Amino acid sequence: MWLPSPIVRFLWGSPVVGGLMYARLDRQRRREPQAETVESFAASSSEGASKPLKWSLRIPVPAGDKGNHWGDLYFARDFAAALSSFGQDVEIHRRNNLWERDGIEDVSVVIRGLERVNPKPGKINILWIISTPELITKGELDGFDIIFVASNSWSEWVTKKTGIKVLPLLQCTDPKRFNPSASKPDLTKEIIFVGNARKRLRQIVKDLIDAQISIKIYGKGWAGRVPQSLIGQKFIPNDELPLRYRSSKIVLNDHRPDMRKRGFYSNRLFDAVASGARVLSDDVDGLEQFFEGAVKAYADSSELQGICADENLGSWGTDDQIRDRAIAFGKLHSFESRAQEMIQAVRQLQKP
């Protein structure tokens, strides 16, 4: 389990941690359009909705075209649709300088990414931390009625450290989109990495290149960092990802260092596994056990030739086994299951 450095222990509970990043994002937010960017999801079912509520999902995603391809937006849309399937009315509110104003919602959910967002007075306030745990302070947790964290180990650690109850609620997938029926397996024989360079040579890409394993990279910012022959298209539409995952030989995944240390499994793992992909990732505590063999972890590049060899692909299971596991995994870790858990937590809070 992760233990904080002396500096982090000293600053825990202080707004200093992450303060510089928050200030920069706040200045950017003030420069963005005044009009709020809102997407609405009306209740599509009365199932399980004894008392339908109005929800707002606040996400640190820019308004307009700049934010249209952010992963947090795709995540929020799928979660909003899941909530609406249980009879809830939902709006998604992107980042702007009005998003903390009072609204008509009963429940305000902050899906925490790069930016801190304050709770709304008089509402049921939920914080769901799905990334950037290094920016979270005790002070940020204060004021929220329910706090979820996409890590089993870190939710336990934070609860013990702060005395504030923090519940695990891991990332998830949409099995209606990400499922093994999207494609036949192994059509391309490619080992693929889908993601932007983030102004550096990401470690898993470097390790496969060092191991002289051929890969295909889909994303922005790779020119000049890797041989041009390895670079594919800059963007894959979200609806095409299941086909890419399922049809490839292996799908690569990595984590930001803070997420690795604190036990956060990336969203790509959930989507790729539900699609029926073989997945290779950097290691996070408990990773292989949680994904029940659908994801293999490696420690260093010396292992990669053996893991990626054609004769060893059977270690992920037969195609029937992979398919059955993908279907079961998608049902268990769906947005609907997470929405149901969050609705139940709200109802429990409302009980006299």
Protein backbone atom coordinates (compact mmCIF):
# COMPACT_ATOMS: atom_id res chain seq x y z
CA MET A 1 0.00 0.00 0.00
CA TRP A 2 1.21 3.49 -0.81
CA LEU A 3 2.64 5.57 2.03
CA PRO A 4 3.11 9.30 1.55
CA SER A 5 6.48 10.98 1.49
CA PRO A 6 7.38 13.26 4.43
CA ILE A 7 6.50 16.32 2.33
CA VAL A 8 3.08 14.92 1.42
CA ARG A 9 2.46 13.94 5.06
CA PHE A 10 3.28 17.51 6.09
CA LEU A 11 0.99 19.04 3.51
CA TRP A 12 -1.90 16.56 3.79
CA GLY A 13 -4.99 18.51 4.72
CA SER A 14 -3.59 21.77 3.38
CA PRO A 15 -4.73 23.54 0.17
CA VAL A 16 -1.04 23.88 -0.75
CA VAL A 17 -1.01 20.45 -2.42
CA GLY A 18 -2.11 20.93 -5.99
CA GLY A 19 -2.63 24.63 -5.37
CA LEU A 20 -0.49 25.80 -8.26
CA MET A 21 -2.27 23.52 -10.73
CA TYR A 22 -5.65 24.62 -9.39
CA ALA A 23 -4.74 28.29 -9.71
CA ARG A 24 -3.62 27.79 -13.31
CA LEU A 25 -6.82 25.93 -14.22
CA ASP A 26 -8.94 28.52 -12.43
CA ARG A 27 -7.39 31.31 -14.51
CA GLN A 28 -8.06 29.26 -17.65
CA ARG A 29 -11.66 28.70 -16.57
CA ARG A 30 -12.25 32.43 -16.11
CA ARG A 31 -11.14 33.00 -19.70
CA GLU A 32 -13.61 30.48 -21.07
CA PRO A 33 -17.11 31.34 -22.32
CA GLN A 34 -19.67 32.55 -19.77
CA ALA A 35 -22.46 30.35 -21.16
CA GLU A 36 -22.60 27.01 -19.42
CA THR A 37 -22.11 23.88 -21.52
CA VAL A 38 -24.85 21.45 -20.48
CA GLU A 39 -25.95 18.07 -21.78
CA SER A 40 -29.23 16.64 -20.52
CA PHE A 41 -30.24 13.01 -20.04
CA ALA A 42 -33.93 12.62 -19.20
CA ALA A 43 -35.09 9.61 -17.22
CA SER A 44 -35.45 6.73 -19.66
CA SER A 45 -36.96 4.26 -17.22
CA SER A 46 -38.85 4.20 -13.96
CA GLU A 47 -37.06 1.04 -12.87
CA GLY A 48 -35.92 1.26 -9.28
CA ALA A 49 -36.77 4.95 -9.07
CA SER A 50 -39.02 5.23 -6.00
CA LYS A 51 -38.22 8.94 -5.88
CA PRO A 52 -36.57 10.23 -9.06
CA LEU A 53 -33.92 12.86 -8.41
CA LYS A 54 -32.25 15.56 -10.48
CA TRP A 55 -28.50 15.08 -10.82
CA SER A 56 -25.70 17.26 -12.11
CA LEU A 57 -22.36 15.73 -13.11
CA ARG A 58 -19.62 18.37 -12.96
CA ILE A 59 -16.51 17.50 -14.95
CA PRO A 60 -13.28 19.49 -15.48
CA VAL A 61 -13.59 19.41 -19.26
CA PRO A 62 -13.39 22.58 -21.40
CA ALA A 63 -16.43 23.83 -23.25
CA GLY A 64 -16.65 23.57 -27.04
CA ASP A 65 -14.52 21.60 -29.46
CA LYS A 66 -11.49 21.75 -27.18
CA GLY A 67 -13.09 19.32 -24.75
CA ASN A 68 -15.14 17.15 -27.09
CA HIS A 69 -12.62 14.30 -27.17
CA TRP A 70 -11.65 14.26 -23.50
CA GLY A 71 -11.98 10.88 -21.85
CA ASP A 72 -13.73 12.45 -18.85
CA LEU A 73 -16.55 13.59 -21.14
CA TYR A 74 -17.07 10.09 -22.59
CA PHE A 75 -17.03 8.73 -19.05
CA ALA A 76 -19.61 11.26 -17.83
CA ARG A 77 -21.93 10.62 -20.78
CA ASP A 78 -21.95 6.88 -20.15
CA PHE A 79 -22.54 7.40 -16.44
CA ALA A 80 -25.34 9.91 -17.11
CA ALA A 81 -27.05 7.43 -19.44
CA ALA A 82 -26.76 4.74 -16.77
CA LEU A 83 -28.31 6.99 -14.12
CA SER A 84 -31.16 7.90 -16.48
CA SER A 85 -31.83 4.20 -17.07
CA PHE A 86 -32.76 4.03 -13.37
CA GLY A 87 -35.26 6.88 -13.67
CA GLN A 88 -32.98 9.78 -12.78
CA ASP A 89 -32.82 13.14 -14.59
CA VAL A 90 -29.19 14.06 -15.28
CA GLU A 91 -27.26 17.02 -16.63
CA ILE A 92 -23.54 17.13 -17.45
CA HIS A 93 -21.91 20.47 -16.67
CA ARG A 94 -18.53 21.14 -18.27
CA ARG A 95 -15.96 23.51 -16.82
CA ASN A 96 -16.72 27.24 -16.96
CA ASN A 97 -16.93 30.15 -14.58
CA LEU A 98 -20.59 29.53 -13.74
CA TRP A 99 -20.52 25.84 -12.87
CA GLU A 100 -20.49 26.39 -9.12
CA ARG A 101 -23.66 28.52 -9.13
CA ASP A 102 -26.77 27.23 -7.40
CA GLY A 103 -28.92 24.97 -9.58
CA ILE A 104 -32.09 22.92 -9.40
CA GLU A 105 -30.32 19.59 -8.91
CA ASP A 106 -30.91 17.42 -5.85
CA VAL A 107 -27.56 15.66 -6.20
CA SER A 108 -24.28 17.20 -7.38
CA VAL A 109 -21.60 14.71 -8.45
CA VAL A 110 -18.06 15.95 -9.00
CA ILE A 111 -16.17 13.48 -11.19
CA ARG A 112 -12.69 14.51 -10.08
CA GLY A 113 -10.05 14.81 -12.76
CA LEU A 114 -7.43 17.55 -13.03
CA GLU A 115 -9.38 20.23 -11.21
CA ARG A 116 -10.82 20.65 -7.74
CA VAL A 117 -14.52 21.52 -7.69
CA ASN A 118 -16.29 22.76 -4.57
CA PRO A 119 -19.48 21.18 -3.19
CA LYS A 120 -22.77 23.04 -3.59
CA PRO A 121 -24.53 24.21 -0.41
CA GLY A 122 -27.94 22.67 0.16
CA LYS A 123 -27.39 19.73 -2.22
CA ILE A 124 -26.38 16.13 -1.71
CA ASN A 125 -22.73 16.39 -2.71
CA ILE A 126 -20.81 13.40 -4.06
CA LEU A 127 -17.13 13.34 -4.95
CA TRP A 128 -15.92 10.53 -7.22
CA ILE A 129 -12.14 10.54 -7.53
CA ILE A 130 -11.22 8.60 -10.68
CA SER A 131 -7.73 10.04 -11.27
CA THR A 132 -4.98 12.43 -10.05
CA PRO A 133 -5.01 11.22 -6.43
CA GLU A 134 -1.81 13.17 -5.74
CA LEU A 135 -3.82 16.41 -5.92
CA ILE A 136 -6.37 15.42 -3.26
CA THR A 137 -6.18 17.01 0.19
CA LYS A 138 -8.19 16.44 3.33
CA GLY A 139 -9.56 19.94 2.92
CA GLU A 140 -11.06 19.01 -0.44
CA LEU A 141 -12.91 16.07 1.08
CA ASP A 142 -14.63 18.26 3.66
CA GLY A 143 -18.11 19.31 2.63
CA PHE A 144 -18.95 16.25 0.55
CA ASP A 145 -21.66 13.93 1.84
CA ILE A 146 -20.42 10.83 0.00
CA ILE A 147 -16.90 10.23 -1.28
CA PHE A 148 -15.99 7.49 -3.74
CA VAL A 149 -12.50 6.59 -4.92
CA ALA A 150 -11.57 4.37 -7.89
CA SER A 151 -9.12 2.37 -5.77
CA ASN A 152 -9.76 -0.26 -3.12
CA SER A 153 -6.46 0.24 -1.32
CA TRP A 154 -6.39 4.04 -1.38
CA SER A 155 -10.00 4.38 -0.18
CA GLU A 156 -9.06 2.29 2.85
CA TRP A 157 -5.87 4.31 3.46
CA VAL A 158 -7.61 7.69 3.21
CA THR A 159 -10.40 6.57 5.56
CA LYS A 160 -7.86 5.55 8.20
CA LYS A 161 -5.71 8.65 7.68
CA THR A 162 -8.43 11.28 7.77
CA GLY A 163 -11.30 9.70 9.69
CA ILE A 164 -13.54 10.59 6.73
CA LYS A 165 -15.43 7.63 5.28
CA VAL A 166 -14.23 7.01 1.73
CA LEU A 167 -15.85 4.23 -0.30
CA PRO A 168 -14.32 2.30 -3.21
CA LEU A 169 -16.06 2.71 -6.56
CA LEU A 170 -13.81 1.55 -9.37
CA GLN A 171 -13.87 2.64 -12.97
CA CYS A 172 -16.17 0.77 -15.35
CA THR A 173 -17.28 0.22 -18.92
CA ASP A 174 -20.31 0.22 -21.21
CA PRO A 175 -20.82 -3.40 -22.30
CA LYS A 176 -23.37 -2.34 -24.91
CA ARG A 177 -20.44 -0.74 -26.77
CA PHE A 178 -17.40 -2.59 -25.42
CA ASN A 179 -18.08 -6.28 -25.96
CA PRO A 180 -16.48 -9.11 -27.95
CA SER A 181 -19.13 -9.04 -30.68
CA ALA A 182 -17.51 -5.85 -32.03
CA SER A 183 -15.06 -7.87 -34.12
CA LYS A 184 -13.47 -11.22 -34.72
CA PRO A 185 -10.21 -11.57 -32.76
CA ASP A 186 -6.70 -11.19 -34.17
CA LEU A 187 -7.67 -9.66 -37.50
CA THR A 188 -4.73 -7.27 -37.60
CA LYS A 189 -2.02 -9.09 -35.60
CA GLU A 190 -1.01 -5.65 -34.31
CA ILE A 191 0.19 -4.83 -30.82
CA ILE A 192 -1.41 -1.43 -30.33
CA PHE A 193 -1.06 1.52 -27.99
CA VAL A 194 -3.87 4.08 -27.99
CA GLY A 195 -2.98 7.35 -26.29
CA ASN A 196 -1.22 10.67 -26.67
CA ALA A 197 2.48 11.07 -25.96
CA ARG A 198 1.95 13.59 -23.13
CA LYS A 199 5.14 15.39 -24.19
CA ARG A 200 7.34 12.40 -23.41
CA LEU A 201 8.11 8.84 -24.47
CA ARG A 202 5.72 6.83 -22.35
CA GLN A 203 7.43 3.99 -20.54
CA ILE A 204 5.49 1.04 -21.95
CA VAL A 205 6.11 2.30 -25.51
CA LYS A 206 9.81 2.75 -24.77
CA ASP A 207 10.03 -0.72 -23.24
CA LEU A 208 8.49 -2.46 -26.25
CA ILE A 209 10.70 -0.53 -28.65
CA ASP A 210 13.75 -1.43 -26.53
CA ALA A 211 12.65 -5.07 -26.68
CA GLN A 212 12.48 -4.77 -30.50
CA ILE A 213 8.79 -5.62 -30.59
CA SER A 214 6.75 -4.11 -33.42
CA ILE A 215 3.87 -1.93 -32.25
CA LYS A 216 1.41 0.52 -33.77
CA ILE A 217 0.71 3.77 -31.92
CA TYR A 218 -2.55 5.72 -32.26
CA GLY A 219 -2.53 9.21 -30.77
CA LYS A 220 -1.07 12.70 -30.88
CA GLY A 221 2.40 14.02 -30.13
CA TRP A 222 4.45 10.99 -31.20
CA ALA A 223 6.24 12.49 -34.22
CA GLY A 224 9.93 12.80 -33.47
CA ARG A 225 9.67 10.57 -30.39
CA VAL A 226 9.31 7.21 -32.13
CA PRO A 227 10.02 6.03 -35.69
CA GLN A 228 7.38 7.34 -38.09
CA SER A 229 6.61 3.78 -39.23
CA LEU A 230 5.14 3.03 -35.79
CA ILE A 231 2.64 5.91 -35.85
CA GLY A 232 -0.93 5.35 -37.00
CA GLN A 233 -3.80 7.82 -37.06
CA LYS A 234 -3.90 10.58 -34.45
CA PHE A 235 -7.42 9.87 -33.23
CA ILE A 236 -9.68 6.83 -33.05
CA PRO A 237 -13.37 7.67 -32.53
CA ASN A 238 -14.73 6.23 -29.31
CA ASP A 239 -17.23 4.04 -31.13
CA GLU A 240 -14.40 2.39 -33.10
CA LEU A 241 -12.32 1.48 -30.06
CA PRO A 242 -14.07 -1.86 -29.33
CA LEU A 243 -13.26 -3.08 -32.85
CA ARG A 244 -9.61 -1.98 -32.50
CA TYR A 245 -9.25 -3.67 -29.13
CA ARG A 246 -10.86 -6.95 -30.15
CA SER A 247 -9.16 -7.23 -33.54
CA SER A 248 -5.62 -6.61 -32.27
CA LYS A 249 -3.09 -9.13 -31.09
CA ILE A 250 -2.43 -7.29 -27.81
CA VAL A 251 -3.62 -3.95 -26.39
CA LEU A 252 -1.08 -1.98 -24.34
CA ASN A 253 -1.96 0.05 -21.27
CA ASP A 254 -0.08 2.25 -18.82
CA HIS A 255 -0.80 4.34 -15.74
CA ARG A 256 0.35 7.67 -14.42
CA PRO A 257 2.85 7.11 -11.60
CA ASP A 258 0.51 8.40 -8.88
CA MET A 259 -2.28 6.08 -10.02
CA ARG A 260 0.06 3.09 -10.02
CA LYS A 261 1.21 3.84 -6.47
CA ARG A 262 -2.31 4.29 -5.16
CA GLY A 263 -4.01 1.32 -6.80
CA PHE A 264 -6.09 3.07 -9.48
CA TYR A 265 -6.84 0.85 -12.51
CA SER A 266 -7.18 2.87 -15.71
CA ASN A 267 -10.44 3.10 -17.61
CA ARG A 268 -8.80 1.64 -20.72
CA LEU A 269 -8.35 -1.66 -18.90
CA PHE A 270 -12.08 -1.98 -18.30
CA ASP A 271 -13.00 -1.12 -21.90
CA ALA A 272 -10.37 -3.38 -23.46
CA VAL A 273 -11.12 -6.37 -21.24
CA ALA A 274 -14.88 -6.06 -21.86
CA SER A 275 -14.12 -5.98 -25.60
CA GLY A 276 -12.35 -9.32 -25.40
CA ALA A 277 -8.81 -8.02 -25.88
CA ARG A 278 -5.58 -9.45 -24.58
CA VAL A 279 -4.13 -6.64 -22.50
CA LEU A 280 -0.56 -5.96 -21.42
CA SER A 281 0.02 -3.29 -18.78
CA ASP A 282 2.52 -1.88 -16.34
CA ASP A 283 1.93 -3.35 -12.90
CA VAL A 284 -0.47 -2.08 -10.26
CA ASP A 285 -1.00 -3.93 -6.99
CA GLY A 286 -3.56 -6.71 -7.47
CA LEU A 287 -3.96 -6.05 -11.21
CA GLU A 288 -3.74 -9.60 -12.60
CA GLN A 289 -5.97 -11.03 -9.86
CA PHE A 290 -8.65 -8.37 -10.31
CA PHE A 291 -8.88 -8.85 -14.08
CA GLU A 292 -8.75 -12.65 -13.71
CA GLY A 293 -6.04 -13.25 -16.29
CA ALA A 294 -7.36 -10.87 -18.95
CA VAL A 295 -4.52 -8.44 -18.17
CA LYS A 296 -0.86 -9.40 -17.89
CA ALA A 297 1.57 -7.15 -16.03
CA TYR A 298 5.28 -6.86 -16.69
CA ALA A 299 8.09 -5.59 -14.48
CA ASP A 300 10.76 -4.74 -17.07
CA SER A 301 11.43 -4.97 -20.79
CA SER A 302 13.33 -8.26 -20.49
CA GLU A 303 10.00 -10.07 -20.00
CA LEU A 304 8.28 -8.65 -23.05
CA GLN A 305 9.62 -10.89 -25.82
CA GLY A 306 8.27 -13.94 -24.02
CA ILE A 307 4.91 -12.41 -23.13
CA CYS A 308 4.26 -11.13 -26.66
CA ALA A 309 5.45 -14.23 -28.55
CA ASP A 310 2.75 -15.82 -30.71
CA GLU A 311 3.24 -19.21 -29.08
CA ASN A 312 2.45 -17.71 -25.66
CA LEU A 313 -0.81 -15.94 -26.57
CA GLY A 314 -2.71 -18.93 -25.28
CA SER A 315 -1.75 -17.93 -21.75
CA TRP A 316 -4.58 -15.39 -21.92
CA GLY A 317 -6.96 -18.28 -22.61
CA THR A 318 -8.74 -19.69 -25.63
CA ASP A 319 -10.93 -17.37 -27.68
CA ASP A 320 -14.05 -18.90 -26.11
CA GLN A 321 -12.63 -18.35 -22.64
CA ILE A 322 -11.66 -14.76 -23.45
CA ARG A 323 -15.10 -14.08 -24.91
CA ASP A 324 -16.99 -15.55 -21.95
CA ARG A 325 -14.77 -13.70 -19.50
CA ALA A 326 -15.29 -10.42 -21.37
CA ILE A 327 -19.08 -10.72 -21.30
CA ALA A 328 -19.12 -11.55 -17.59
CA PHE A 329 -16.68 -8.76 -16.79
CA GLY A 330 -18.70 -6.16 -18.71
CA LYS A 331 -21.86 -7.03 -16.81
CA LEU A 332 -20.15 -6.94 -13.43
CA HIS A 333 -18.26 -3.68 -14.00
CA SER A 334 -20.79 -1.72 -16.05
CA PHE A 335 -21.75 1.92 -15.67
CA GLU A 336 -25.20 0.65 -14.69
CA SER A 337 -23.77 -1.27 -11.74
CA ARG A 338 -21.84 1.82 -10.58
CA ALA A 339 -24.93 4.03 -11.03
CA GLN A 340 -27.02 1.62 -9.01
CA GLU A 341 -24.47 1.67 -6.19
CA MET A 342 -24.38 5.47 -6.16
CA ILE A 343 -28.19 5.75 -6.15
CA GLN A 344 -28.36 3.31 -3.24
CA ALA A 345 -25.82 5.40 -1.31
CA VAL A 346 -27.94 8.52 -1.84
CA ARG A 347 -31.12 6.76 -0.70
CA GLN A 348 -29.33 5.51 2.38
CA LEU A 349 -28.28 9.06 3.15
CA GLN A 350 -31.86 10.29 2.75
CA LYS A 351 -33.26 7.83 5.29
CA PRO A 352 -34.41 9.53 8.50
